[in-house]
Structure formats: C-alpha cells, structure tokens
C-alpha atoms as a PDB file:
ATOM      1  CA  MET A   1     -39.372  50.692  -8.157  1.00  0.00           C
ATOM      2  CA  THR A   2     -38.531  48.633  -5.098  1.00  0.00           C
ATOM      3  CA  VAL A   3     -35.654  46.207  -5.255  1.00  0.00           C
ATOM      4  CA  ALA A   4     -35.795  43.295  -2.872  1.00  0.00           C
ATOM      5  CA  THR A   5     -32.564  42.161  -1.304  1.00  0.00           C
ATOM      6  CA  PRO A   6     -32.066  38.782   0.344  1.00  0.00           C
ATOM      7  CA  ALA A   7     -32.225  38.678   4.135  1.00  0.00           C
ATOM      8  CA  THR A   8     -29.136  36.503   4.283  1.00  0.00           C
ATOM      9  CA  PRO A   9     -25.735  37.293   2.756  1.00  0.00           C
ATOM     10  CA  MET A  10     -24.956  35.945  -0.697  1.00  0.00           C
ATOM     11  CA  ALA A  11     -22.373  33.446   0.450  1.00  0.00           C
ATOM     12  CA  VAL A  12     -21.468  29.921  -0.431  1.00  0.00           C
ATOM     13  CA  SER A  13     -19.032  29.287   2.372  1.00  0.00           C
ATOM     14  CA  ARG A  14     -18.750  29.822   6.109  1.00  0.00           C
ATOM     15  CA  PRO A  15     -17.263  33.127   7.182  1.00  0.00           C
ATOM     16  CA  ASP A  16     -13.600  33.343   8.051  1.00  0.00           C
ATOM     17  CA  ARG A  17     -13.026  35.716  10.976  1.00  0.00           C
ATOM     18  CA  ASP A  18     -10.142  37.504  12.632  1.00  0.00           C
ATOM     19  CA  ARG A  19     -10.580  39.742  15.659  1.00  0.00           C
ATOM     20  CA  THR A  20      -8.141  42.517  16.501  1.00  0.00           C
ATOM     21  CA  GLU A  21      -8.180  44.703  19.593  1.00  0.00           C
ATOM     22  CA  ARG A  22     -10.283  47.336  17.817  1.00  0.00           C
ATOM     23  CA  GLY A  23     -12.110  45.491  15.068  1.00  0.00           C
ATOM     24  CA  LEU A  24     -13.385  42.323  13.513  1.00  0.00           C
ATOM     25  CA  PHE A  25     -12.568  41.206   9.961  1.00  0.00           C
ATOM     26  CA  ARG A  26     -14.639  38.631   8.102  1.00  0.00           C
ATOM     27  CA  ALA A  27     -14.245  36.964   4.707  1.00  0.00           C
ATOM     28  CA  ARG A  28     -16.882  35.171   2.643  1.00  0.00           C
ATOM     29  CA  GLU A  29     -16.792  33.726  -0.824  1.00  0.00           C
ATOM     30  CA  LEU A  30     -19.479  35.369  -2.966  1.00  0.00           C
ATOM     31  CA  SER A  31     -18.638  33.265  -6.018  1.00  0.00           C
ATOM     32  CA  THR A  32     -15.746  31.145  -7.207  1.00  0.00           C
ATOM     33  CA  SER A  33     -14.033  34.327  -8.424  1.00  0.00           C
ATOM     34  CA  THR A  34     -15.183  36.941  -5.876  1.00  0.00           C
ATOM     35  CA  LEU A  35     -14.246  37.350  -2.225  1.00  0.00           C
ATOM     36  CA  LEU A  36     -16.060  39.628   0.223  1.00  0.00           C
ATOM     37  CA  VAL A  37     -14.043  41.055   3.111  1.00  0.00           C
ATOM     38  CA  ALA A  38     -15.921  43.086   5.716  1.00  0.00           C
ATOM     39  CA  ALA A  39     -14.653  45.010   8.723  1.00  0.00           C
ATOM     40  CA  VAL A  40     -16.615  46.030  11.813  1.00  0.00           C
ATOM     41  CA  GLY A  41     -15.360  48.293  14.605  1.00  0.00           C
ATOM     42  CA  GLU A  42     -12.464  50.651  14.067  1.00  0.00           C
ATOM     43  CA  ILE A  43      -9.537  50.934  11.659  1.00  0.00           C
ATOM     44  CA  ASP A  44      -6.690  53.064  12.958  1.00  0.00           C
ATOM     45  CA  ALA A  45      -2.903  52.970  13.319  1.00  0.00           C
ATOM     46  CA  SER A  46      -3.094  49.945  15.621  1.00  0.00           C
ATOM     47  CA  ASN A  47      -4.825  47.629  13.131  1.00  0.00           C
ATOM     48  CA  SER A  48      -4.699  49.096   9.616  1.00  0.00           C
ATOM     49  CA  GLY A  49      -1.858  46.719   8.762  1.00  0.00           C
ATOM     50  CA  ALA A  50      -3.929  43.824  10.071  1.00  0.00           C
ATOM     51  CA  LEU A  51      -6.707  44.753   7.620  1.00  0.00           C
ATOM     52  CA  PHE A  52      -4.268  44.676   4.709  1.00  0.00           C
ATOM     53  CA  ASP A  53      -2.759  41.378   5.918  1.00  0.00           C
ATOM     54  CA  PHE A  54      -6.221  39.826   6.330  1.00  0.00           C
ATOM     55  CA  VAL A  55      -7.153  40.730   2.747  1.00  0.00           C
ATOM     56  CA  GLU A  56      -3.797  39.663   1.337  1.00  0.00           C
ATOM     57  CA  THR A  57      -3.785  36.211   2.973  1.00  0.00           C
ATOM     58  CA  ARG A  58      -7.279  35.313   1.790  1.00  0.00           C
ATOM     59  CA  LEU A  59      -7.188  36.406  -1.862  1.00  0.00           C
ATOM     60  CA  ALA A  60      -5.399  33.405  -3.363  1.00  0.00           C
ATOM     61  CA  GLY A  61      -7.477  32.000  -6.206  1.00  0.00           C
ATOM     62  CA  TYR A  62      -9.862  34.957  -6.512  1.00  0.00           C
ATOM     63  CA  GLN A  63      -9.998  37.529  -9.317  1.00  0.00           C
ATOM     64  CA  GLN A  64     -12.278  40.046  -7.577  1.00  0.00           C
ATOM     65  CA  LEU A  65     -12.677  41.608  -4.146  1.00  0.00           C
ATOM     66  CA  VAL A  66     -15.502  43.498  -2.486  1.00  0.00           C
ATOM     67  CA  LEU A  67     -14.128  45.339   0.545  1.00  0.00           C
ATOM     68  CA  ASP A  68     -17.042  46.290   2.805  1.00  0.00           C
ATOM     69  CA  LEU A  69     -16.105  49.021   5.282  1.00  0.00           C
ATOM     70  CA  SER A  70     -19.656  50.335   5.633  1.00  0.00           C
ATOM     71  CA  ARG A  71     -20.096  49.354   9.278  1.00  0.00           C
ATOM     72  CA  LEU A  72     -16.978  50.948  10.743  1.00  0.00           C
ATOM     73  CA  ALA A  73     -17.419  53.262  13.729  1.00  0.00           C
ATOM     74  CA  PHE A  74     -14.029  54.917  13.069  1.00  0.00           C
ATOM     75  CA  PHE A  75     -11.663  55.038  10.093  1.00  0.00           C
ATOM     76  CA  GLY A  76      -8.369  56.907  10.424  1.00  0.00           C
ATOM     77  CA  THR A  77      -5.915  58.062   7.801  1.00  0.00           C
ATOM     78  CA  ASP A  78      -3.820  54.964   8.481  1.00  0.00           C
ATOM     79  CA  GLY A  79      -6.776  53.042   7.109  1.00  0.00           C
ATOM     80  CA  PHE A  80      -6.485  54.992   3.879  1.00  0.00           C
ATOM     81  CA  SER A  81      -2.812  54.005   3.703  1.00  0.00           C
ATOM     82  CA  ALA A  82      -3.940  50.371   3.938  1.00  0.00           C
ATOM     83  CA  LEU A  83      -6.439  50.999   1.105  1.00  0.00           C
ATOM     84  CA  HIS A  84      -3.717  52.574  -1.013  1.00  0.00           C
ATOM     85  CA  THR A  85      -1.377  49.636  -0.403  1.00  0.00           C
ATOM     86  CA  THR A  86      -4.214  47.232  -1.199  1.00  0.00           C
ATOM     87  CA  ASN A  87      -4.922  49.143  -4.417  1.00  0.00           C
ATOM     88  CA  VAL A  88      -1.300  48.996  -5.571  1.00  0.00           C
ATOM     89  CA  ARG A  89      -0.844  45.312  -4.756  1.00  0.00           C
ATOM     90  CA  LEU A  90      -4.159  44.216  -6.280  1.00  0.00           C
ATOM     91  CA  SER A  91      -3.515  46.261  -9.429  1.00  0.00           C
ATOM     92  CA  ARG A  92      -0.149  44.541  -9.846  1.00  0.00           C
ATOM     93  CA  ARG A  93      -1.833  41.143  -9.508  1.00  0.00           C
ATOM     94  CA  GLY A  94      -4.701  42.023 -11.864  1.00  0.00           C
ATOM     95  CA  ILE A  95      -7.361  41.651  -9.175  1.00  0.00           C
ATOM     96  CA  ASP A  96     -10.362  43.937  -9.659  1.00  0.00           C
ATOM     97  CA  TRP A  97     -11.935  45.360  -6.510  1.00  0.00           C
ATOM     98  CA  VAL A  98     -14.636  47.705  -5.269  1.00  0.00           C
ATOM     99  CA  LEU A  99     -14.844  49.466  -1.916  1.00  0.00           C
ATOM    100  CA  VAL A 100     -18.127  49.830  -0.012  1.00  0.00           C
ATOM    101  CA  PRO A 101     -17.482  52.808   2.287  1.00  0.00           C
ATOM    102  CA  GLY A 102     -19.621  53.886   5.197  1.00  0.00           C
ATOM    103  CA  PRO A 103     -19.808  57.453   6.517  1.00  0.00           C
ATOM    104  CA  GLU A 104     -16.497  57.230   8.399  1.00  0.00           C
ATOM    105  CA  VAL A 105     -14.607  55.949   5.354  1.00  0.00           C
ATOM    106  CA  ALA A 106     -16.325  58.422   3.008  1.00  0.00           C
ATOM    107  CA  ARG A 107     -15.154  61.293   5.233  1.00  0.00           C
ATOM    108  CA  VAL A 108     -11.512  60.196   4.905  1.00  0.00           C
ATOM    109  CA  LEU A 109     -11.887  59.537   1.165  1.00  0.00           C
ATOM    110  CA  ARG A 110     -13.099  63.120   0.619  1.00  0.00           C
ATOM    111  CA  VAL A 111      -9.752  64.327   1.991  1.00  0.00           C
ATOM    112  CA  CYS A 112      -7.337  61.572   0.903  1.00  0.00           C
ATOM    113  CA  ASP A 113      -8.905  60.601  -2.452  1.00  0.00           C
ATOM    114  CA  PRO A 114     -10.602  63.806  -3.654  1.00  0.00           C
ATOM    115  CA  GLU A 115     -10.380  62.707  -7.299  1.00  0.00           C
ATOM    116  CA  GLY A 116     -12.294  59.509  -6.538  1.00  0.00           C
ATOM    117  CA  LEU A 117      -9.675  57.165  -7.963  1.00  0.00           C
ATOM    118  CA  LEU A 118     -10.853  54.254  -5.812  1.00  0.00           C
ATOM    119  CA  THR A 119     -13.991  52.614  -7.184  1.00  0.00           C
ATOM    120  CA  THR A 120     -16.747  52.687  -4.588  1.00  0.00           C
ATOM    121  CA  ALA A 121     -20.306  51.399  -4.366  1.00  0.00           C
ATOM    122  CA  GLY A 122     -23.188  52.144  -2.027  1.00  0.00           C
ATOM    123  CA  ASN A 123     -23.663  48.527  -0.934  1.00  0.00           C
ATOM    124  CA  ILE A 124     -22.467  44.985  -1.558  1.00  0.00           C
ATOM    125  CA  VAL A 125     -25.028  44.258  -4.267  1.00  0.00           C
ATOM    126  CA  SER A 126     -23.986  47.402  -6.170  1.00  0.00           C
ATOM    127  CA  ALA A 127     -20.319  46.471  -5.742  1.00  0.00           C
ATOM    128  CA  VAL A 128     -20.896  43.015  -7.234  1.00  0.00           C
ATOM    129  CA  ALA A 129     -22.786  44.623 -10.128  1.00  0.00           C
ATOM    130  CA  ALA A 130     -19.901  47.060 -10.701  1.00  0.00           C
ATOM    131  CA  LEU A 131     -17.445  44.166 -10.812  1.00  0.00           C
ATOM    132  CA  ALA A 132     -19.661  42.360 -13.317  1.00  0.00           C
ATOM    133  CA  ARG A 133     -19.583  45.396 -15.634  1.00  0.00           C
ATOM    134  CA  GLY A 134     -15.871  45.011 -16.157  1.00  0.00           C
ATOM    135  CA  PRO A 135     -12.439  45.750 -14.831  1.00  0.00           C
ATOM    136  CA  HIS A 136     -11.693  48.961 -13.000  1.00  0.00           C
ATOM    137  CA  THR A 137      -8.293  50.523 -13.328  1.00  0.00           C
ATOM    138  CA  HIS A 138      -7.331  51.812  -9.902  1.00  0.00           C
ATOM    139  CA  LEU A 139      -3.681  52.368 -10.553  1.00  0.00           C
ATOM    140  CA  GLN A 140      -2.731  54.370 -13.605  1.00  0.00           C
ATOM    141  CA  LEU A 141       0.938  54.432 -14.441  1.00  0.00           C
ATOM    142  CA  ALA A 142       2.252  57.523 -16.153  1.00  0.00           C
ATOM    143  CA  PRO A 143       4.709  57.112 -19.032  1.00  0.00           C
ATOM    144  CA  LEU A 144       8.310  57.993 -18.332  1.00  0.00           C
ATOM    145  CA  PRO A 145       9.366  61.433 -19.573  1.00  0.00           C
ATOM    146  CA  LYS A 146      11.575  61.418 -22.659  1.00  0.00           C
END
C-alpha cells in the first residue's frame, strides 16, 4: 500500500526561524495544540542550549511538540543533554512530545538512551499520529523508599 504525503508541510502559520553559528532552528504550528520544531545543520556543545531555548520560548499555548532532528548532519552528546532537559521540563508542564531522529541522532540515542525512553517516530506524519494516540510518559518518577 502506498501512502501519499503532501508536497508542502502541514502548517497553518509562517515559519519562525533562528540561525546559530552551526545550525538553523525553525518552528511551525501544525495545529492549534501542536508545534513543530525542526533543526538543520549541527547540534553540539556550542548550540545545544540554543536548541532548548528555542523550543522553550515557542511552546506557550501548545500541548504537544514534534521535534524534528532528522536532517542534522551532526548531533553530539550535548544535544542529548538538551533532549533530556527538554524531556524533564515538558513532562513537568504536561506537554506531550515526540522526537523524529535522523541517523546522527539515532546513533547517539543508541548509546545515551538504550532503553528507548524517549518516544520517537520515523517522520513527522508518524509523530503526529503518535501524539493523536494519546499521551506518552517520558519521565517516570520512582516512589520514595520507605
């Protein structure tokens, strides 16, 4: 079965962009409750904090996030730290999110997230479908010992 995908992004607003020395971040509203943030270029120690800040400053009013890192040419372990921080902060705020990793991100996830605790999808359409199926618990708090 062949599934047709639209040639243009599913967006209802103009993209919001922010360029760093090593990458470009873009944000688009996919629906009134879902924000898409995409990164192109590289995520390393010099701009991993900028990725987190970009996401954080654009999420007001949204309940869901698709973080598309599929087109990165490089993704360092500092990028995973930004993903972890994003996961913790979004979990605290009750915002559901799905990561779309590319090969560079998947390589780091195999080492830094071997249990697959971060919800991932193969593409943006699959990520939106995963969000529609219900909330994903990324952060699981353990009960205090007695």
